Amino acid sequence: MGIIVNLDAMLARRKKRSKELAEFVGITEQNISLLKTGRVKGIRFNTLEKICQFLDCQPGDILEFQTDELSDSS
């Protein structure tokens, strides 16, 4: 599975909108949407830092690592 992005859930917990986050971080709402759906290949640390600052959370609240169960059986 790899890295799972829980940004949407964190926004809901904090009762914040993607538009507010995009404005605070300084990126487009479309890039926030791509990040929420996990369709990005990477994220800059300064972007992650601003997201965590806005949501008052830790990077681990947003990003989660899940192992691929099939590869564990080898």
PDB file of N, CA and C in Angstrom:
ATOM      1  N   MET A   1       0.823  -1.186   0.000  1.00  0.00           N
ATOM      2  CA  MET A   1       0.000   0.000   0.000  1.00  0.00           C
ATOM      3  C   MET A   1       0.868   1.251   0.000  1.00  0.00           C
ATOM      4  N   GLY A   2       1.844   1.351   0.861  1.00  0.00           N
ATOM      5  CA  GLY A   2       2.705   2.521   0.895  1.00  0.00           C
ATOM      6  C   GLY A   2       2.217   3.589   1.845  1.00  0.00           C
ATOM      7  N   ILE A   3       2.356   4.836   1.415  1.00  0.00           N
ATOM      8  CA  ILE A   3       1.995   5.979   2.244  1.00  0.00           C
ATOM      9  C   ILE A   3       0.536   6.355   2.000  1.00  0.00           C
ATOM     10  N   ILE A   4      -0.227   6.477   3.072  1.00  0.00           N
ATOM     11  CA  ILE A   4      -1.624   6.883   3.022  1.00  0.00           C
ATOM     12  C   ILE A   4      -1.707   8.313   3.546  1.00  0.00           C
ATOM     13  N   VAL A   5      -2.420   9.170   2.826  1.00  0.00           N
ATOM     14  CA  VAL A   5      -2.570  10.573   3.223  1.00  0.00           C
ATOM     15  C   VAL A   5      -3.930  10.741   3.895  1.00  0.00           C
ATOM     16  N   ASN A   6      -3.913  11.147   5.156  1.00  0.00           N
ATOM     17  CA  ASN A   6      -5.137  11.331   5.941  1.00  0.00           C
ATOM     18  C   ASN A   6      -5.490  12.812   6.102  1.00  0.00           C
ATOM     19  N   LEU A   7      -5.146  13.616   5.121  1.00  0.00           N
ATOM     20  CA  LEU A   7      -5.372  15.053   5.210  1.00  0.00           C
ATOM     21  C   LEU A   7      -6.858  15.385   5.280  1.00  0.00           C
ATOM     22  N   ASP A   8      -7.670  14.707   4.509  1.00  0.00           N
ATOM     23  CA  ASP A   8      -9.106  14.971   4.504  1.00  0.00           C
ATOM     24  C   ASP A   8      -9.711  14.737   5.889  1.00  0.00           C
ATOM     25  N   ALA A   9      -9.330  13.649   6.528  1.00  0.00           N
ATOM     26  CA  ALA A   9      -9.834  13.346   7.869  1.00  0.00           C
ATOM     27  C   ALA A   9      -9.365  14.389   8.878  1.00  0.00           C
ATOM     28  N   MET A  10      -8.125  14.841   8.742  1.00  0.00           N
ATOM     29  CA  MET A  10      -7.588  15.836   9.672  1.00  0.00           C
ATOM     30  C   MET A  10      -8.291  17.178   9.487  1.00  0.00           C
ATOM     31  N   LEU A  11      -8.578  17.542   8.248  1.00  0.00           N
ATOM     32  CA  LEU A  11      -9.336  18.768   7.993  1.00  0.00           C
ATOM     33  C   LEU A  11     -10.725  18.678   8.635  1.00  0.00           C
ATOM     34  N   ALA A  12     -11.363  17.542   8.516  1.00  0.00           N
ATOM     35  CA  ALA A  12     -12.693  17.352   9.105  1.00  0.00           C
ATOM     36  C   ALA A  12     -12.636  17.444  10.626  1.00  0.00           C
ATOM     37  N   ARG A  13     -11.630  16.820  11.233  1.00  0.00           N
ATOM     38  CA  ARG A  13     -11.492  16.881  12.697  1.00  0.00           C
ATOM     39  C   ARG A  13     -11.322  18.300  13.206  1.00  0.00           C
ATOM     40  N   ARG A  14     -10.594  19.091  12.436  1.00  0.00           N
ATOM     41  CA  ARG A  14     -10.316  20.478  12.844  1.00  0.00           C
ATOM     42  C   ARG A  14     -11.381  21.455  12.334  1.00  0.00           C
ATOM     43  N   LYS A  15     -12.366  20.915  11.597  1.00  0.00           N
ATOM     44  CA  LYS A  15     -13.447  21.728  11.028  1.00  0.00           C
ATOM     45  C   LYS A  15     -12.894  22.878  10.193  1.00  0.00           C
ATOM     46  N   LYS A  16     -11.948  22.517   9.326  1.00  0.00           N
ATOM     47  CA  LYS A  16     -11.317  23.477   8.412  1.00  0.00           C
ATOM     48  C   LYS A  16     -11.624  23.072   6.985  1.00  0.00           C
ATOM     49  N   ARG A  17     -11.528  24.035   6.081  1.00  0.00           N
ATOM     50  CA  ARG A  17     -11.799  23.785   4.672  1.00  0.00           C
ATOM     51  C   ARG A  17     -10.509  23.778   3.874  1.00  0.00           C
ATOM     52  N   SER A  18     -10.536  23.060   2.771  1.00  0.00           N
ATOM     53  CA  SER A  18      -9.373  22.980   1.886  1.00  0.00           C
ATOM     54  C   SER A  18      -8.960  24.361   1.386  1.00  0.00           C
ATOM     55  N   LYS A  19      -9.941  25.199   1.123  1.00  0.00           N
ATOM     56  CA  LYS A  19      -9.661  26.546   0.625  1.00  0.00           C
ATOM     57  C   LYS A  19      -8.851  27.348   1.645  1.00  0.00           C
ATOM     58  N   GLU A  20      -9.221  27.249   2.913  1.00  0.00           N
ATOM     59  CA  GLU A  20      -8.491  27.946   3.978  1.00  0.00           C
ATOM     60  C   GLU A  20      -7.053  27.429   4.074  1.00  0.00           C
ATOM     61  N   LEU A  21      -6.912  26.125   3.988  1.00  0.00           N
ATOM     62  CA  LEU A  21      -5.587  25.512   4.056  1.00  0.00           C
ATOM     63  C   LEU A  21      -4.729  25.960   2.876  1.00  0.00           C
ATOM     64  N   ALA A  22      -5.294  25.940   1.694  1.00  0.00           N
ATOM     65  CA  ALA A  22      -4.552  26.345   0.499  1.00  0.00           C
ATOM     66  C   ALA A  22      -4.058  27.785   0.618  1.00  0.00           C
ATOM     67  N   GLU A  23      -4.911  28.669   1.102  1.00  0.00           N
ATOM     68  CA  GLU A  23      -4.526  30.065   1.279  1.00  0.00           C
ATOM     69  C   GLU A  23      -3.404  30.205   2.301  1.00  0.00           C
ATOM     70  N   PHE A  24      -3.503  29.475   3.403  1.00  0.00           N
ATOM     71  CA  PHE A  24      -2.492  29.556   4.461  1.00  0.00           C
ATOM     72  C   PHE A  24      -1.146  29.023   3.979  1.00  0.00           C
ATOM     73  N   VAL A  25      -1.178  27.906   3.285  1.00  0.00           N
ATOM     74  CA  VAL A  25       0.056  27.257   2.833  1.00  0.00           C
ATOM     75  C   VAL A  25       0.658  27.980   1.630  1.00  0.00           C
ATOM     76  N   GLY A  26      -0.208  28.574   0.800  1.00  0.00           N
ATOM     77  CA  GLY A  26       0.265  29.270  -0.386  1.00  0.00           C
ATOM     78  C   GLY A  26       0.350  28.381  -1.613  1.00  0.00           C
ATOM     79  N   ILE A  27      -0.536  27.383  -1.674  1.00  0.00           N
ATOM     80  CA  ILE A  27      -0.622  26.518  -2.852  1.00  0.00           C
ATOM     81  C   ILE A  27      -2.070  26.505  -3.325  1.00  0.00           C
ATOM     82  N   THR A  28      -2.303  25.971  -4.506  1.00  0.00           N
ATOM     83  CA  THR A  28      -3.652  25.988  -5.075  1.00  0.00           C
ATOM     84  C   THR A  28      -4.543  24.941  -4.402  1.00  0.00           C
ATOM     85  N   GLU A  29      -5.847  25.183  -4.488  1.00  0.00           N
ATOM     86  CA  GLU A  29      -6.810  24.201  -3.970  1.00  0.00           C
ATOM     87  C   GLU A  29      -6.693  22.884  -4.722  1.00  0.00           C
ATOM     88  N   GLN A  30      -6.350  22.957  -6.005  1.00  0.00           N
ATOM     89  CA  GLN A  30      -6.181  21.736  -6.793  1.00  0.00           C
ATOM     90  C   GLN A  30      -5.028  20.899  -6.243  1.00  0.00           C
ATOM     91  N   ASN A  31      -3.934  21.544  -5.842  1.00  0.00           N
ATOM     92  CA  ASN A  31      -2.817  20.800  -5.254  1.00  0.00           C
ATOM     93  C   ASN A  31      -3.204  20.204  -3.905  1.00  0.00           C
ATOM     94  N   ILE A  32      -4.014  20.897  -3.137  1.00  0.00           N
ATOM     95  CA  ILE A  32      -4.525  20.331  -1.879  1.00  0.00           C
ATOM     96  C   ILE A  32      -5.364  19.097  -2.194  1.00  0.00           C
ATOM     97  N   SER A  33      -6.208  19.188  -3.210  1.00  0.00           N
ATOM     98  CA  SER A  33      -7.047  18.065  -3.618  1.00  0.00           C
ATOM     99  C   SER A  33      -6.198  16.867  -4.037  1.00  0.00           C
ATOM    100  N   LEU A  34      -5.150  17.118  -4.811  1.00  0.00           N
ATOM    101  CA  LEU A  34      -4.256  16.034  -5.234  1.00  0.00           C
ATOM    102  C   LEU A  34      -3.576  15.395  -4.031  1.00  0.00           C
ATOM    103  N   LEU A  35      -3.197  16.211  -3.082  1.00  0.00           N
ATOM    104  CA  LEU A  35      -2.557  15.693  -1.870  1.00  0.00           C
ATOM    105  C   LEU A  35      -3.546  14.854  -1.062  1.00  0.00           C
ATOM    106  N   LYS A  36      -4.772  15.336  -0.922  1.00  0.00           N
ATOM    107  CA  LYS A  36      -5.798  14.615  -0.162  1.00  0.00           C
ATOM    108  C   LYS A  36      -6.076  13.239  -0.752  1.00  0.00           C
ATOM    109  N   THR A  37      -6.022  13.132  -2.068  1.00  0.00           N
ATOM    110  CA  THR A  37      -6.327  11.858  -2.710  1.00  0.00           C
ATOM    111  C   THR A  37      -5.094  10.972  -2.874  1.00  0.00           C
ATOM    112  N   GLY A  38      -3.938  11.456  -2.450  1.00  0.00           N
ATOM    113  CA  GLY A  38      -2.720  10.657  -2.533  1.00  0.00           C
ATOM    114  C   GLY A  38      -2.137  10.585  -3.934  1.00  0.00           C
ATOM    115  N   ARG A  39      -2.489  11.509  -4.800  1.00  0.00           N
ATOM    116  CA  ARG A  39      -2.019  11.488  -6.186  1.00  0.00           C
ATOM    117  C   ARG A  39      -0.758  12.316  -6.393  1.00  0.00           C
ATOM    118  N   VAL A  40       0.016  12.486  -5.348  1.00  0.00           N
ATOM    119  CA  VAL A  40       1.278  13.211  -5.469  1.00  0.00           C
ATOM    120  C   VAL A  40       2.429  12.247  -5.206  1.00  0.00           C
ATOM    121  N   LYS A  41       3.573  12.550  -5.762  1.00  0.00           N
ATOM    122  CA  LYS A  41       4.742  11.683  -5.571  1.00  0.00           C
ATOM    123  C   LYS A  41       5.600  12.155  -4.414  1.00  0.00           C
ATOM    124  N   GLY A  42       5.362  13.379  -3.955  1.00  0.00           N
ATOM    125  CA  GLY A  42       6.154  13.907  -2.857  1.00  0.00           C
ATOM    126  C   GLY A  42       5.559  15.191  -2.319  1.00  0.00           C
ATOM    127  N   ILE A  43       6.118  15.634  -1.204  1.00  0.00           N
ATOM    128  CA  ILE A  43       5.683  16.877  -0.584  1.00  0.00           C
ATOM    129  C   ILE A  43       6.915  17.538   0.027  1.00  0.00           C
ATOM    130  N   ARG A  44       7.035  18.824  -0.147  1.00  0.00           N
ATOM    131  CA  ARG A  44       8.156  19.558   0.434  1.00  0.00           C
ATOM    132  C   ARG A  44       7.963  19.653   1.941  1.00  0.00           C
ATOM    133  N   PHE A  45       9.065  19.597   2.658  1.00  0.00           N
ATOM    134  CA  PHE A  45       8.981  19.691   4.108  1.00  0.00           C
ATOM    135  C   PHE A  45       8.379  21.014   4.559  1.00  0.00           C
ATOM    136  N   ASN A  46       8.682  22.112   3.862  1.00  0.00           N
ATOM    137  CA  ASN A  46       8.112  23.392   4.287  1.00  0.00           C
ATOM    138  C   ASN A  46       6.600  23.420   4.060  1.00  0.00           C
ATOM    139  N   THR A  47       6.105  22.727   3.030  1.00  0.00           N
ATOM    140  CA  THR A  47       4.662  22.612   2.816  1.00  0.00           C
ATOM    141  C   THR A  47       4.036  21.776   3.927  1.00  0.00           C
ATOM    142  N   LEU A  48       4.659  20.663   4.259  1.00  0.00           N
ATOM    143  CA  LEU A  48       4.176  19.806   5.341  1.00  0.00           C
ATOM    144  C   LEU A  48       4.179  20.567   6.663  1.00  0.00           C
ATOM    145  N   GLU A  49       5.220  21.354   6.883  1.00  0.00           N
ATOM    146  CA  GLU A  49       5.319  22.148   8.112  1.00  0.00           C
ATOM    147  C   GLU A  49       4.158  23.137   8.219  1.00  0.00           C
ATOM    148  N   LYS A  50       3.834  23.819   7.116  1.00  0.00           N
ATOM    149  CA  LYS A  50       2.734  24.786   7.133  1.00  0.00           C
ATOM    150  C   LYS A  50       1.381  24.100   7.324  1.00  0.00           C
ATOM    151  N   ILE A  51       1.215  22.923   6.722  1.00  0.00           N
ATOM    152  CA  ILE A  51      -0.023  22.165   6.912  1.00  0.00           C
ATOM    153  C   ILE A  51      -0.183  21.793   8.383  1.00  0.00           C
ATOM    154  N   CYS A  52       0.893  21.305   8.981  1.00  0.00           N
ATOM    155  CA  CYS A  52       0.850  20.926  10.400  1.00  0.00           C
ATOM    156  C   CYS A  52       0.604  22.140  11.293  1.00  0.00           C
ATOM    157  N   GLN A  53       1.192  23.257  10.931  1.00  0.00           N
ATOM    158  CA  GLN A  53       0.976  24.489  11.690  1.00  0.00           C
ATOM    159  C   GLN A  53      -0.492  24.898  11.613  1.00  0.00           C
ATOM    160  N   PHE A  54      -1.068  24.878  10.426  1.00  0.00           N
ATOM    161  CA  PHE A  54      -2.459  25.272  10.227  1.00  0.00           C
ATOM    162  C   PHE A  54      -3.415  24.345  10.976  1.00  0.00           C
ATOM    163  N   LEU A  55      -3.140  23.045  10.940  1.00  0.00           N
ATOM    164  CA  LEU A  55      -4.026  22.050  11.552  1.00  0.00           C
ATOM    165  C   LEU A  55      -3.657  21.717  12.987  1.00  0.00           C
ATOM    166  N   ASP A  56      -2.585  22.322  13.496  1.00  0.00           N
ATOM    167  CA  ASP A  56      -2.107  22.062  14.855  1.00  0.00           C
ATOM    168  C   ASP A  56      -1.977  20.551  15.087  1.00  0.00           C
ATOM    169  N   CYS A  57      -1.140  19.920  14.239  1.00  0.00           N
ATOM    170  CA  CYS A  57      -0.970  18.475  14.318  1.00  0.00           C
ATOM    171  C   CYS A  57       0.483  18.096  14.014  1.00  0.00           C
ATOM    172  N   GLN A  58       0.758  16.831  14.056  1.00  0.00           N
ATOM    173  CA  GLN A  58       2.066  16.279  13.736  1.00  0.00           C
ATOM    174  C   GLN A  58       2.016  15.642  12.344  1.00  0.00           C
ATOM    175  N   PRO A  59       3.176  15.524  11.655  1.00  0.00           N
ATOM    176  CA  PRO A  59       3.177  14.879  10.336  1.00  0.00           C
ATOM    177  C   PRO A  59       2.549  13.481  10.353  1.00  0.00           C
ATOM    178  N   GLY A  60       2.736  12.753  11.443  1.00  0.00           N
ATOM    179  CA  GLY A  60       2.169  11.415  11.565  1.00  0.00           C
ATOM    180  C   GLY A  60       0.652  11.401  11.648  1.00  0.00           C
ATOM    181  N   ASP A  61       0.050  12.557  11.942  1.00  0.00           N
ATOM    182  CA  ASP A  61      -1.411  12.647  11.938  1.00  0.00           C
ATOM    183  C   ASP A  61      -1.950  12.709  10.514  1.00  0.00           C
ATOM    184  N   ILE A  62      -1.082  13.118   9.585  1.00  0.00           N
ATOM    185  CA  ILE A  62      -1.484  13.294   8.192  1.00  0.00           C
ATOM    186  C   ILE A  62      -1.010  12.144   7.317  1.00  0.00           C
ATOM    187  N   LEU A  63       0.198  11.664   7.569  1.00  0.00           N
ATOM    188  CA  LEU A  63       0.801  10.612   6.749  1.00  0.00           C
ATOM    189  C   LEU A  63       0.899   9.319   7.532  1.00  0.00           C
ATOM    190  N   GLU A  64       0.557   8.226   6.884  1.00  0.00           N
ATOM    191  CA  GLU A  64       0.565   6.913   7.531  1.00  0.00           C
ATOM    192  C   GLU A  64       1.197   5.905   6.579  1.00  0.00           C
ATOM    193  N   PHE A  65       2.025   5.034   7.110  1.00  0.00           N
ATOM    194  CA  PHE A  65       2.641   3.985   6.305  1.00  0.00           C
ATOM    195  C   PHE A  65       1.899   2.676   6.530  1.00  0.00           C
ATOM    196  N   GLN A  66       1.476   2.054   5.430  1.00  0.00           N
ATOM    197  CA  GLN A  66       0.842   0.738   5.507  1.00  0.00           C
ATOM    198  C   GLN A  66       1.626  -0.229   4.635  1.00  0.00           C
ATOM    199  N   THR A  67       1.975  -1.354   5.219  1.00  0.00           N
ATOM    200  CA  THR A  67       2.708  -2.350   4.452  1.00  0.00           C
ATOM    201  C   THR A  67       1.773  -3.106   3.523  1.00  0.00           C
ATOM    202  N   ASP A  68       2.351  -3.615   2.462  1.00  0.00           N
ATOM    203  CA  ASP A  68       1.589  -4.433   1.523  1.00  0.00           C
ATOM    204  C   ASP A  68       1.563  -5.844   2.085  1.00  0.00           C
ATOM    205  N   GLU A  69       0.401  -6.341   2.438  1.00  0.00           N
ATOM    206  CA  GLU A  69       0.263  -7.655   3.077  1.00  0.00           C
ATOM    207  C   GLU A  69       0.825  -8.774   2.219  1.00  0.00           C
ATOM    208  N   LEU A  70       0.740  -8.662   0.899  1.00  0.00           N
ATOM    209  CA  LEU A  70       1.232  -9.708   0.017  1.00  0.00           C
ATOM    210  C   LEU A  70       2.754  -9.831   0.106  1.00  0.00           C
ATOM    211  N   SER A  71       3.458  -8.696   0.231  1.00  0.00           N
ATOM    212  CA  SER A  71       4.922  -8.757   0.287  1.00  0.00           C
ATOM    213  C   SER A  71       5.404  -9.245   1.648  1.00  0.00           C
ATOM    214  N   ASP A  72       4.551  -9.180   2.677  1.00  0.00           N
ATOM    215  CA  ASP A  72       4.936  -9.661   4.003  1.00  0.00           C
ATOM    216  C   ASP A  72       5.035 -11.185   4.060  1.00  0.00           C
ATOM    217  N   SER A  73       4.358 -11.874   3.159  1.00  0.00           N
ATOM    218  CA  SER A  73       4.324 -13.328   3.215  1.00  0.00           C
ATOM    219  C   SER A  73       5.516 -13.985   2.515  1.00  0.00           C
ATOM    220  N   SER A  74       6.425 -13.204   1.944  1.00  0.00           N
ATOM    221  CA  SER A  74       7.560 -13.795   1.221  1.00  0.00           C
ATOM    222  C   SER A  74       8.697 -14.174   2.131  1.00  0.00           C
TER     223      SER A  74
END
